[in-house]
Amino acid sequence: MTEIDQKQLGNTLWGIADQLRGAMNADDFRDYMLSFLFLRYLSDNYEMAAAKELGPDYPRLEAGDRRTPLALWYANNPEDIDAFETQMRRKIHYVVRPEYLWGSISELARTQNAELLHKLQKGFDYIENESFASTFNGLFSEINLNSEKLGKDYSARNQQLCTVIQAIAAGLSQFSTNQDVLGDAYEYLIGQFAAGSGKKAGEFYTPQQISSILSGIVTLDSQDPATGKKKQLDSVLDFACGSGSLLLNVRHRMGAHGIGKIYGQEKNITTYNLARMNMLLHGVKDSEFEIYHGDTLANDWDYLRETNPAKAPQFDAVVANPPFSYRWEPNSALSEDMRFKNYGLAPKSAADFAFLLHGFHFLKPEGVMAIILPHGVLFRGGAEERIRTKLLKDGNIDTVIGLPANLFFSTGIPVCILVLKKCKKPDDVLFINAAEHFEKGKRQNRLRPEDIDKIIETYQYRREEERYARRVPMTEIADNDYNLNISRYISTATPEEKIDLQAVHQQLATLEDQIAEATQRHNAFLQELGLPLLGTR
């Protein structure tokens, strides 16, 4: 499927969502829409794998038979079901019973079957608790099929679900879909819902263009980026993963088998469920990722709280787009927390450095971390200045990248990317001023592919370019009291055009001669006609 077809599919699905949600707000309808798309993916992937596994035994339906092929196979081979499902779990890590497949559900919707709602609820429960070797408890917890937002009574809710599922089935039938296409459509819809959610969008979605910068940086060799991309990452962590798009971008760059395991943490329950669905929908097996629902700043994930240094988890790459200037309530116990003890606590008014130190603590000595933060972290004083100064003196801040304003759905402020390393070779900091390189849009500005490539290549080869990039020695940063405001190191002022006075003088003299010659010629004509000459009264 071409990029144009993918966009058309996304537009088709978004049009369905926009048309059918009625009085329901976009955030609520998003959960229904994306869950149905997720069910369609699980079903398609499962049926394709089943057809390959069963080979010639996979049933061919007669004309008019609207059952799924697997429903027929299950009916004819009851004694083989357990062995078949065991094999399917081994091959693709999950099972979906025929009555819960998208084809069965969409047929109930087409026939306006009164049992659709009940069957759908049973299907969701089955997927959460029985489909996968790992249980995905609460995966559909935010989807209330008994909500009055769907209808006042069971019949009305069932009718609304029939309408929505029919429309999605019809929309998808126009396109030849596969795993990658459905994954792209899912990402597209997340972005569209994010755009329509205003400030809430920043909680769960990092625009793909910015994700591409972070993933491009952390997948390069950490000690010598010029040598190119790493062949393998054992692990990658996003401690504020939202819908998981940033982690998936890293995986896309590394390839399906390029990362040992993906780890994410998300505080918002709805977004946490989106992230788990998003992983599975992009073909990440349940054994290849772990997303935890919890509070990052409270560090309530037992896996990360291991105190034995030999067992403590560390990651090859850490990426994050945490909420900007988040207000938090640090207590006295946190001052002794292993993450903050050597640096001090970020102020209550802005947890930006608390998020940064959390991720940095779990970074491997040879790893690399890229985090999106507001510009204030570069120059604010007080506790933030003390944290920033220690990171700089310890040689942990590698690169500062300034981005254009209005790139995010949630805020119009310009932001920066900080690249951190525990073992950094160059005794300088690379500053990249990319704030003037973008395409202006009506609602949001966007980085063009060439803008993204330039940022990544400048970081990779540590290039310097007037008004764009500069390697600043630590002595100069110390002279500036460890203030990292980009304008202190890269001039953004437009230089005045130099004027060549001699050339201008010569040009004026030439013009004077041309005027005198033209006047003399014109006066000759006027004299023949008996008219007053130019330059006389």
Protein backbone atom coordinates (compact mmCIF):
# COMPACT_ATOMS: atom_id res chain seq x y z
CA MET A 1 0.00 0.00 0.00
CA THR A 2 1.37 3.41 -0.96
CA GLU A 3 1.80 6.34 1.41
CA ILE A 4 -1.15 8.03 -0.33
CA ASP A 5 -3.34 4.96 0.27
CA GLN A 6 -2.28 4.87 3.92
CA LYS A 7 -3.25 8.51 4.34
CA GLN A 8 -6.57 7.86 2.60
CA LEU A 9 -7.24 4.95 4.96
CA GLY A 10 -6.46 7.18 7.92
CA ASN A 11 -8.72 9.90 6.55
CA THR A 12 -11.51 7.38 5.94
CA LEU A 13 -11.34 6.09 9.51
CA TRP A 14 -11.10 9.62 10.93
CA GLY A 15 -14.14 10.62 8.87
CA ILE A 16 -16.06 7.70 10.37
CA ALA A 17 -15.04 8.75 13.87
CA ASP A 18 -15.95 12.37 13.25
CA GLN A 19 -19.32 11.43 11.78
CA LEU A 20 -20.44 8.81 14.31
CA ARG A 21 -19.29 10.01 17.68
CA GLY A 22 -22.34 12.27 18.03
CA ALA A 23 -22.58 13.75 21.51
CA MET A 24 -19.60 11.72 22.75
CA ASN A 25 -16.39 13.73 23.16
CA ALA A 26 -13.39 12.85 21.02
CA ASP A 27 -11.38 11.30 23.87
CA ASP A 28 -14.15 8.83 24.77
CA PHE A 29 -14.89 7.85 21.18
CA ARG A 30 -11.17 7.41 20.53
CA ASP A 31 -11.08 4.44 22.92
CA TYR A 32 -13.91 2.65 21.09
CA MET A 33 -12.54 3.39 17.64
CA LEU A 34 -8.99 2.31 18.39
CA SER A 35 -10.13 -0.81 20.25
CA PHE A 36 -12.14 -1.97 17.23
CA LEU A 37 -9.17 -1.34 14.95
CA PHE A 38 -7.03 -3.31 17.40
CA LEU A 39 -9.50 -6.23 17.31
CA ARG A 40 -9.41 -6.15 13.51
CA TYR A 41 -5.61 -6.38 13.59
CA LEU A 42 -5.50 -9.26 16.08
CA SER A 43 -8.08 -11.15 13.99
CA ASP A 44 -6.35 -10.60 10.63
CA ASN A 45 -2.95 -11.55 11.99
CA TYR A 46 -4.35 -14.64 13.71
CA GLU A 47 -6.29 -15.84 10.68
CA MET A 48 -3.30 -15.41 8.38
CA ALA A 49 -1.13 -17.42 10.77
CA ALA A 50 -3.86 -20.06 11.13
CA ALA A 51 -4.15 -20.43 7.35
CA LYS A 52 -0.39 -20.94 7.13
CA GLU A 53 -0.42 -23.44 10.00
CA LEU A 54 -3.35 -25.52 8.70
CA GLY A 55 -2.29 -25.35 5.07
CA PRO A 56 -4.70 -27.38 2.86
CA ASP A 57 -6.88 -28.11 5.91
CA TYR A 58 -7.82 -24.44 6.21
CA PRO A 59 -11.48 -24.37 5.11
CA ARG A 60 -12.75 -22.73 1.93
CA LEU A 61 -16.21 -21.33 2.52
CA GLU A 62 -19.02 -21.92 0.08
CA ALA A 63 -20.73 -18.96 -1.55
CA GLY A 64 -23.08 -17.26 0.88
CA ASP A 65 -21.44 -18.75 3.99
CA ARG A 66 -20.60 -15.67 6.07
CA ARG A 67 -18.90 -17.52 8.92
CA THR A 68 -15.15 -17.17 9.39
CA PRO A 69 -13.14 -20.12 8.01
CA LEU A 70 -11.87 -20.86 11.53
CA ALA A 71 -15.44 -21.14 12.83
CA LEU A 72 -15.98 -23.96 10.33
CA TRP A 73 -12.68 -25.62 11.20
CA TYR A 74 -13.42 -25.48 14.95
CA ALA A 75 -16.86 -27.03 14.34
CA ASN A 76 -15.40 -29.89 12.29
CA ASN A 77 -12.30 -30.58 14.41
CA PRO A 78 -13.20 -30.31 18.11
CA GLU A 79 -10.65 -32.94 19.16
CA ASP A 80 -7.78 -30.97 17.56
CA ILE A 81 -8.55 -27.53 19.00
CA ASP A 82 -6.27 -27.76 22.06
CA ALA A 83 -3.24 -28.89 20.04
CA PHE A 84 -3.91 -26.22 17.42
CA GLU A 85 -4.16 -23.43 20.00
CA THR A 86 -0.99 -24.64 21.72
CA GLN A 87 0.84 -24.42 18.41
CA MET A 88 -0.59 -20.95 17.69
CA ARG A 89 0.56 -19.67 21.07
CA ARG A 90 4.03 -20.98 20.23
CA LYS A 91 4.02 -19.33 16.81
CA ILE A 92 2.37 -15.92 17.37
CA HIS A 93 1.94 -15.87 21.17
CA TYR A 94 -1.85 -15.57 21.29
CA VAL A 95 -5.19 -17.16 20.36
CA VAL A 96 -8.56 -15.68 19.38
CA ARG A 97 -11.57 -18.00 19.41
CA PRO A 98 -13.64 -17.86 16.17
CA GLU A 99 -16.69 -16.23 17.82
CA TYR A 100 -14.56 -13.26 18.88
CA LEU A 101 -12.79 -12.66 15.55
CA TRP A 102 -13.50 -9.38 13.77
CA GLY A 103 -15.28 -11.24 10.97
CA SER A 104 -17.73 -12.75 13.44
CA ILE A 105 -18.29 -9.47 15.29
CA SER A 106 -18.75 -7.44 12.09
CA GLU A 107 -21.27 -10.04 10.83
CA LEU A 108 -23.29 -9.56 14.03
CA ALA A 109 -23.19 -5.82 13.35
CA ARG A 110 -24.26 -6.28 9.71
CA THR A 111 -27.27 -8.36 10.73
CA GLN A 112 -28.12 -5.98 13.59
CA ASN A 113 -27.91 -8.93 15.98
CA ALA A 114 -29.18 -8.10 19.46
CA GLU A 115 -26.37 -10.15 21.03
CA LEU A 116 -23.56 -7.99 19.56
CA LEU A 117 -22.91 -6.03 22.75
CA HIS A 118 -22.83 -9.16 24.93
CA LYS A 119 -20.55 -10.98 22.48
CA LEU A 120 -18.21 -8.00 22.23
CA GLN A 121 -17.89 -7.77 26.02
CA LYS A 122 -17.11 -11.49 26.26
CA GLY A 123 -14.56 -11.07 23.46
CA PHE A 124 -12.80 -8.22 25.24
CA ASP A 125 -12.69 -10.24 28.48
CA TYR A 126 -11.30 -13.23 26.60
CA ILE A 127 -8.51 -11.19 24.97
CA GLU A 128 -7.55 -9.63 28.31
CA ASN A 129 -7.40 -12.86 30.27
CA GLU A 130 -7.01 -15.84 27.95
CA SER A 131 -5.65 -14.87 24.53
CA PHE A 132 -2.05 -14.22 25.52
CA ALA A 133 0.42 -16.15 27.65
CA SER A 134 0.87 -12.86 29.51
CA THR A 135 -2.46 -11.60 30.79
CA PHE A 136 -3.36 -8.08 29.71
CA ASN A 137 -5.66 -7.25 32.60
CA GLY A 138 -7.64 -4.08 32.06
CA LEU A 139 -6.63 -3.68 28.42
CA PHE A 140 -10.19 -2.56 27.59
CA SER A 141 -10.96 -1.13 31.03
CA GLU A 142 -11.69 2.34 29.66
CA ILE A 143 -14.27 1.03 27.19
CA ASN A 144 -17.62 0.95 28.94
CA LEU A 145 -20.02 -0.88 26.63
CA ASN A 146 -22.82 -0.08 29.08
CA SER A 147 -22.19 3.65 29.01
CA GLU A 148 -25.19 5.92 28.45
CA LYS A 149 -22.96 7.86 26.07
CA LEU A 150 -23.57 4.99 23.63
CA GLY A 151 -27.33 4.98 24.25
CA LYS A 152 -29.96 5.19 26.96
CA ASP A 153 -30.68 1.46 27.11
CA TYR A 154 -29.21 -1.86 25.95
CA SER A 155 -31.06 -1.79 22.63
CA ALA A 156 -29.87 1.74 21.80
CA ARG A 157 -26.30 0.93 22.78
CA ASN A 158 -26.34 -2.27 20.73
CA GLN A 159 -27.69 -0.35 17.73
CA GLN A 160 -24.97 2.32 18.03
CA LEU A 161 -22.25 -0.35 18.19
CA CYS A 162 -23.73 -2.05 15.12
CA THR A 163 -23.57 1.26 13.25
CA VAL A 164 -19.99 2.05 14.27
CA ILE A 165 -18.63 -1.45 13.57
CA GLN A 166 -20.42 -1.63 10.21
CA ALA A 167 -18.93 1.72 9.20
CA ILE A 168 -15.41 0.66 10.21
CA ALA A 169 -15.75 -2.67 8.40
CA ALA A 170 -16.97 -0.88 5.25
CA GLY A 171 -14.17 1.70 5.50
CA LEU A 172 -11.47 -0.96 5.87
CA SER A 173 -12.88 -3.09 3.05
CA GLN A 174 -11.94 -0.36 0.55
CA PHE A 175 -8.27 -1.01 1.20
CA SER A 176 -5.91 -3.96 1.07
CA THR A 177 -4.73 -3.99 4.66
CA ASN A 178 -1.87 -5.72 6.42
CA GLN A 179 -0.10 -5.38 9.75
CA ASP A 180 2.02 -2.37 8.78
CA VAL A 181 -0.91 -0.54 7.21
CA LEU A 182 -3.20 -1.05 10.20
CA GLY A 183 -0.36 0.01 12.48
CA ASP A 184 0.12 3.20 10.46
CA ALA A 185 -3.63 3.84 10.47
CA TYR A 186 -3.66 3.40 14.25
CA GLU A 187 -0.82 5.92 14.63
CA TYR A 188 -2.59 8.31 12.28
CA LEU A 189 -5.80 8.16 14.31
CA ILE A 190 -3.91 8.67 17.58
CA GLY A 191 -2.37 11.80 16.04
CA GLN A 192 -5.74 13.04 14.78
CA PHE A 193 -7.40 12.50 18.15
CA ALA A 194 -4.43 14.22 19.78
CA ALA A 195 -4.85 17.23 17.50
CA GLY A 196 -8.51 17.44 18.48
CA SER A 197 -7.82 17.14 22.19
CA GLY A 198 -5.95 20.39 22.68
CA LYS A 199 -3.76 20.49 25.76
CA LYS A 200 -4.55 16.89 26.70
CA ALA A 201 -2.69 15.67 23.64
CA GLY A 202 0.71 16.28 25.20
CA GLU A 203 -0.09 13.56 27.72
CA PHE A 204 -0.01 10.76 25.22
CA TYR A 205 1.44 11.67 21.85
CA THR A 206 4.83 12.80 20.58
CA PRO A 207 4.61 13.99 16.95
CA GLN A 208 6.38 11.55 14.64
CA GLN A 209 8.78 14.18 13.32
CA ILE A 210 10.18 14.78 16.83
CA SER A 211 10.18 11.06 17.66
CA SER A 212 12.31 10.58 14.55
CA ILE A 213 15.00 12.92 15.93
CA LEU A 214 15.20 11.17 19.30
CA SER A 215 15.19 7.68 17.78
CA GLY A 216 17.78 8.73 15.21
CA ILE A 217 20.09 9.89 17.99
CA VAL A 218 19.80 7.00 20.46
CA THR A 219 20.22 4.30 17.80
CA LEU A 220 23.63 5.65 16.75
CA ASP A 221 26.77 4.39 18.44
CA SER A 222 26.85 6.27 21.74
CA GLN A 223 30.61 6.75 22.00
CA ASP A 224 31.34 7.41 18.33
CA PRO A 225 28.10 8.31 16.48
CA ALA A 226 30.04 8.88 13.24
CA THR A 227 30.52 5.11 12.94
CA GLY A 228 26.77 4.75 12.37
CA LYS A 229 23.83 2.87 13.83
CA LYS A 230 24.20 0.22 16.49
CA LYS A 231 23.51 -3.35 15.37
CA GLN A 232 21.58 -4.22 18.54
CA LEU A 233 20.02 -2.58 21.59
CA ASP A 234 19.50 -4.92 24.51
CA SER A 235 16.87 -2.64 26.00
CA VAL A 236 15.22 0.75 25.59
CA LEU A 237 13.16 2.68 28.16
CA ASP A 238 10.59 5.45 27.86
CA PHE A 239 9.48 6.35 31.40
CA ALA A 240 6.65 8.62 30.18
CA CYS A 241 5.68 6.56 27.16
CA GLY A 242 2.16 7.84 26.42
CA SER A 243 0.73 5.83 23.52
CA GLY A 244 4.15 4.27 22.84
CA SER A 245 4.81 6.05 19.55
CA LEU A 246 8.32 7.11 20.56
CA LEU A 247 9.32 3.56 21.54
CA LEU A 248 7.89 2.24 18.28
CA ASN A 249 9.91 4.81 16.35
CA VAL A 250 13.10 3.50 17.97
CA ARG A 251 12.05 -0.05 17.07
CA HIS A 252 11.33 0.99 13.49
CA ARG A 253 14.89 2.30 13.14
CA MET A 254 16.44 -0.79 14.69
CA GLY A 255 14.24 -3.30 12.86
CA ALA A 256 11.87 -5.92 14.25
CA HIS A 257 14.70 -7.93 15.84
CA GLY A 258 17.03 -5.06 16.70
CA ILE A 259 15.90 -4.56 20.31
CA GLY A 260 16.05 -7.21 23.02
CA LYS A 261 13.15 -5.77 25.02
CA ILE A 262 11.12 -2.56 25.12
CA TYR A 263 10.17 -1.01 28.46
CA GLY A 264 7.70 1.78 29.07
CA GLN A 265 5.90 3.42 31.97
CA GLU A 266 2.71 5.48 31.86
CA LYS A 267 0.65 7.04 34.65
CA ASN A 268 -2.62 7.62 32.79
CA ILE A 269 -4.67 4.40 32.65
CA THR A 270 -6.30 5.16 29.29
CA THR A 271 -2.99 6.02 27.68
CA TYR A 272 -1.35 2.98 29.28
CA ASN A 273 -3.91 0.77 27.54
CA LEU A 274 -3.35 2.61 24.25
CA ALA A 275 0.38 1.91 24.54
CA ARG A 276 -0.14 -1.83 25.08
CA MET A 277 -2.53 -2.07 22.14
CA ASN A 278 -0.15 -0.01 20.00
CA MET A 279 2.75 -2.39 20.72
CA LEU A 280 0.74 -5.49 19.84
CA LEU A 281 -0.77 -3.85 16.76
CA HIS A 282 2.71 -3.09 15.43
CA GLY A 283 3.73 -6.74 15.72
CA VAL A 284 5.66 -6.48 19.01
CA LYS A 285 5.09 -9.81 20.77
CA ASP A 286 3.91 -9.76 24.37
CA SER A 287 7.28 -11.26 25.41
CA GLU A 288 9.17 -8.41 23.69
CA PHE A 289 7.78 -5.49 25.70
CA GLU A 290 6.68 -4.51 29.17
CA ILE A 291 4.57 -1.44 29.83
CA TYR A 292 3.94 -0.56 33.48
CA HIS A 293 1.07 1.51 34.81
CA GLY A 294 2.42 3.74 37.54
CA ASP A 295 3.91 7.03 38.71
CA THR A 296 7.42 7.60 37.37
CA LEU A 297 8.42 10.27 39.89
CA ALA A 298 7.28 8.07 42.79
CA ASN A 299 9.30 5.22 41.21
CA ASP A 300 6.60 2.70 42.09
CA TRP A 301 7.66 0.06 39.55
CA ASP A 302 9.25 -2.77 41.53
CA TYR A 303 11.38 -3.75 38.55
CA LEU A 304 13.20 -0.41 38.75
CA ARG A 305 13.48 -0.41 42.54
CA GLU A 306 16.03 -3.23 42.70
CA THR A 307 18.72 -2.15 45.20
CA ASN A 308 21.29 -4.84 44.40
CA PRO A 309 23.70 -3.10 41.96
CA ALA A 310 24.36 -6.41 40.21
CA LYS A 311 20.65 -6.84 39.45
CA ALA A 312 19.60 -3.21 39.03
CA PRO A 313 18.16 -2.63 35.54
CA GLN A 314 20.00 -0.35 33.15
CA PHE A 315 19.15 0.50 29.55
CA ASP A 316 21.12 1.02 26.35
CA ALA A 317 18.81 3.85 25.32
CA VAL A 318 16.45 6.10 27.25
CA VAL A 319 13.98 8.37 25.44
CA ALA A 320 11.24 10.55 26.89
CA ASN A 321 8.82 13.37 26.32
CA PRO A 322 7.60 14.00 29.89
CA PRO A 323 4.95 16.62 30.73
CA PHE A 324 6.54 20.07 30.65
CA SER A 325 7.09 21.94 33.94
CA TYR A 326 4.94 19.42 35.81
CA ARG A 327 4.14 20.44 39.39
CA TRP A 328 5.11 17.81 41.95
CA GLU A 329 5.39 17.44 45.71
CA PRO A 330 8.88 16.17 46.61
CA ASN A 331 9.19 15.05 50.25
CA SER A 332 12.24 14.78 52.48
CA ALA A 333 12.57 11.06 51.80
CA LEU A 334 13.11 11.76 48.10
CA SER A 335 16.24 13.74 48.88
CA GLU A 336 17.86 10.40 49.80
CA ASP A 337 16.41 8.65 46.73
CA MET A 338 19.12 6.94 44.68
CA ARG A 339 18.01 8.93 41.60
CA PHE A 340 18.36 12.38 43.16
CA LYS A 341 20.79 11.99 46.07
CA ASN A 342 23.87 13.29 44.25
CA TYR A 343 22.07 16.14 42.49
CA GLY A 344 19.34 17.53 44.71
CA LEU A 345 15.61 17.79 44.10
CA ALA A 346 13.96 19.68 41.28
CA PRO A 347 11.68 22.51 42.49
CA LYS A 348 7.97 21.95 43.14
CA SER A 349 7.06 24.26 40.27
CA ALA A 350 8.84 22.21 37.60
CA ALA A 351 9.69 18.50 37.74
CA ASP A 352 11.64 18.66 34.47
CA PHE A 353 14.97 17.78 36.06
CA ALA A 354 13.32 15.14 38.26
CA PHE A 355 12.19 13.33 35.11
CA LEU A 356 15.63 13.79 33.54
CA LEU A 357 17.46 12.40 36.59
CA HIS A 358 15.07 9.45 36.79
CA GLY A 359 15.90 8.38 33.25
CA PHE A 360 19.59 9.19 33.59
CA HIS A 361 19.88 7.00 36.69
CA PHE A 362 18.81 3.93 34.70
CA LEU A 363 21.08 4.62 31.71
CA LYS A 364 23.93 2.19 31.07
CA PRO A 365 27.46 3.66 31.32
CA GLU A 366 27.83 3.27 27.54
CA GLY A 367 24.22 4.23 26.77
CA VAL A 368 22.64 7.42 25.44
CA MET A 369 19.58 9.35 26.57
CA ALA A 370 17.52 11.89 24.61
CA ILE A 371 14.77 13.85 26.36
CA ILE A 372 12.43 16.66 25.28
CA LEU A 373 12.19 19.53 27.76
CA PRO A 374 11.11 23.19 27.87
CA HIS A 375 13.84 25.78 27.24
CA GLY A 376 13.73 26.88 30.88
CA VAL A 377 15.92 23.93 31.92
CA LEU A 378 18.78 25.56 30.02
CA PHE A 379 18.94 28.73 32.08
CA ARG A 380 16.64 28.70 35.15
CA GLY A 381 18.39 29.31 38.47
CA GLY A 382 18.07 27.88 41.97
CA ALA A 383 17.88 24.10 42.34
CA GLU A 384 17.77 23.62 38.57
CA GLU A 385 21.00 25.56 38.15
CA ARG A 386 22.72 23.33 40.72
CA ILE A 387 21.56 20.15 38.97
CA ARG A 388 22.51 21.49 35.53
CA THR A 389 25.94 22.59 36.78
CA LYS A 390 26.76 19.16 38.26
CA LEU A 391 25.68 17.38 35.08
CA LEU A 392 27.93 19.68 33.06
CA LYS A 393 30.93 19.42 35.40
CA ASP A 394 30.59 15.63 35.33
CA GLY A 395 30.62 15.72 31.53
CA ASN A 396 27.16 14.22 31.15
CA ILE A 397 25.46 16.74 28.83
CA ASP A 398 26.56 15.96 25.28
CA THR A 399 24.26 17.99 23.01
CA VAL A 400 21.65 20.75 23.27
CA ILE A 401 19.18 21.02 20.37
CA GLY A 402 16.81 23.98 20.09
CA LEU A 403 13.60 23.24 18.15
CA PRO A 404 11.06 25.61 16.54
CA ALA A 405 7.98 26.84 18.40
CA ASN A 406 4.50 25.36 17.96
CA LEU A 407 5.48 21.80 17.07
CA PHE A 408 3.28 20.19 19.72
CA PHE A 409 -0.49 19.87 20.04
CA SER A 410 -0.31 20.70 23.74
CA THR A 411 1.81 23.85 23.73
CA GLY A 412 3.13 26.51 21.38
CA ILE A 413 6.37 27.10 23.29
CA PRO A 414 9.70 26.19 21.71
CA VAL A 415 11.34 23.15 23.28
CA CYS A 416 14.77 21.60 23.34
CA ILE A 417 16.26 18.12 23.23
CA LEU A 418 19.01 17.27 25.70
CA VAL A 419 21.32 14.37 24.85
CA LEU A 420 23.05 12.87 27.89
CA LYS A 421 25.76 10.25 28.34
CA LYS A 422 27.54 8.85 31.39
CA CYS A 423 30.79 8.35 29.48
CA LYS A 424 31.29 11.17 26.99
CA LYS A 425 34.44 11.55 24.88
CA PRO A 426 34.42 15.21 23.70
CA ASP A 427 35.25 17.87 26.30
CA ASP A 428 32.66 20.22 24.85
CA VAL A 429 28.92 20.55 24.33
CA LEU A 430 27.41 20.58 20.85
CA PHE A 431 24.75 23.26 20.40
CA ILE A 432 22.33 22.97 17.48
CA ASN A 433 20.00 25.87 16.74
CA ALA A 434 17.28 24.30 14.57
CA ALA A 435 14.64 26.84 15.59
CA GLU A 436 14.58 28.55 12.19
CA HIS A 437 14.39 25.42 10.04
CA PHE A 438 10.78 24.29 9.65
CA GLU A 439 7.63 24.52 7.56
CA LYS A 440 4.97 26.86 8.91
CA GLY A 441 1.49 25.37 9.27
CA LYS A 442 -1.95 26.70 10.11
CA ARG A 443 -2.28 24.89 13.43
CA GLN A 444 1.16 23.45 14.07
CA ASN A 445 4.53 24.00 12.51
CA ARG A 446 6.29 20.91 11.21
CA LEU A 447 9.83 19.76 10.62
CA ARG A 448 10.50 18.66 7.06
CA PRO A 449 12.45 15.45 6.36
CA GLU A 450 15.48 17.53 5.41
CA ASP A 451 15.27 19.44 8.72
CA ILE A 452 15.20 16.18 10.67
CA ASP A 453 18.08 14.70 8.67
CA LYS A 454 20.18 17.82 9.19
CA ILE A 455 19.74 17.69 12.98
CA ILE A 456 20.66 14.00 13.16
CA GLU A 457 23.64 14.32 10.81
CA THR A 458 24.93 17.39 12.66
CA TYR A 459 24.81 15.39 15.91
CA GLN A 460 26.30 12.30 14.28
CA TYR A 461 29.34 14.02 12.78
CA ARG A 462 29.49 16.84 15.36
CA ARG A 463 29.59 19.37 12.55
CA GLU A 464 29.84 23.10 13.05
CA GLU A 465 27.96 25.58 10.89
CA GLU A 466 27.60 29.34 11.28
CA ARG A 467 24.30 30.33 12.92
CA TYR A 468 23.31 26.64 13.18
CA ALA A 469 25.76 24.48 15.14
CA ARG A 470 28.81 24.99 17.34
CA ARG A 471 30.98 22.89 19.64
CA VAL A 472 31.45 24.94 22.79
CA PRO A 473 34.37 24.12 25.12
CA MET A 474 33.56 23.59 28.79
CA THR A 475 35.74 26.54 29.75
CA GLU A 476 33.41 28.89 27.86
CA ILE A 477 30.33 27.29 29.43
CA ALA A 478 31.92 27.71 32.87
CA ASP A 479 32.60 31.39 32.07
CA ASN A 480 28.85 31.69 31.40
CA ASP A 481 28.07 30.23 34.85
CA TYR A 482 26.86 26.98 33.27
CA ASN A 483 23.99 28.71 31.55
CA LEU A 484 23.04 26.75 28.41
CA ASN A 485 20.85 29.36 26.72
CA ILE A 486 21.53 28.64 23.05
CA SER A 487 21.69 32.31 22.04
CA ARG A 488 24.77 32.74 24.27
CA TYR A 489 26.74 30.39 22.05
CA ILE A 490 25.16 30.65 18.60
CA SER A 491 24.32 34.07 17.23
CA THR A 492 20.78 34.30 15.91
CA ALA A 493 20.99 37.96 14.93
CA THR A 494 20.66 38.69 11.21
CA PRO A 495 23.95 40.30 10.10
CA GLU A 496 23.66 43.70 8.41
CA GLU A 497 24.48 43.67 4.74
CA LYS A 498 27.92 45.14 4.04
CA ILE A 499 27.96 48.17 1.75
CA ASP A 500 30.81 48.72 -0.71
CA LEU A 501 31.00 52.53 -0.70
CA GLN A 502 33.40 52.68 -3.63
CA ALA A 503 31.10 50.56 -5.78
CA VAL A 504 28.06 52.62 -4.78
CA HIS A 505 29.95 55.85 -5.60
CA GLN A 506 30.92 54.51 -9.01
CA GLN A 507 27.31 53.43 -9.68
CA LEU A 508 26.00 56.91 -8.80
CA ALA A 509 28.61 58.61 -10.98
CA THR A 510 27.63 56.38 -13.91
CA LEU A 511 23.95 57.22 -13.38
CA GLU A 512 24.76 60.94 -13.29
CA ASP A 513 26.56 60.65 -16.65
CA GLN A 514 23.64 58.72 -18.15
CA ILE A 515 21.15 61.35 -16.92
CA ALA A 516 23.24 64.21 -18.38
CA GLU A 517 23.54 62.44 -21.73
CA ALA A 518 19.80 61.67 -21.87
CA THR A 519 18.90 65.27 -20.92
CA GLN A 520 21.16 66.71 -23.63
CA ARG A 521 19.61 64.42 -26.28
CA HIS A 522 16.08 65.25 -25.17
CA ASN A 523 16.74 69.02 -25.16
CA ALA A 524 17.89 68.84 -28.77
CA PHE A 525 14.41 67.58 -29.76
CA LEU A 526 12.70 70.21 -27.60
CA GLN A 527 14.79 72.99 -29.21
CA GLU A 528 13.71 71.90 -32.72
CA LEU A 529 10.07 72.07 -31.58
CA GLY A 530 10.51 75.49 -29.96
CA LEU A 531 9.63 74.18 -26.50
CA PRO A 532 11.29 75.07 -23.17
CA LEU A 533 14.37 72.97 -22.48
CA LEU A 534 14.75 70.70 -19.45
CA GLY A 535 16.64 72.35 -16.62
CA THR A 536 15.55 75.90 -17.65
CA ARG A 537 12.64 78.16 -16.64
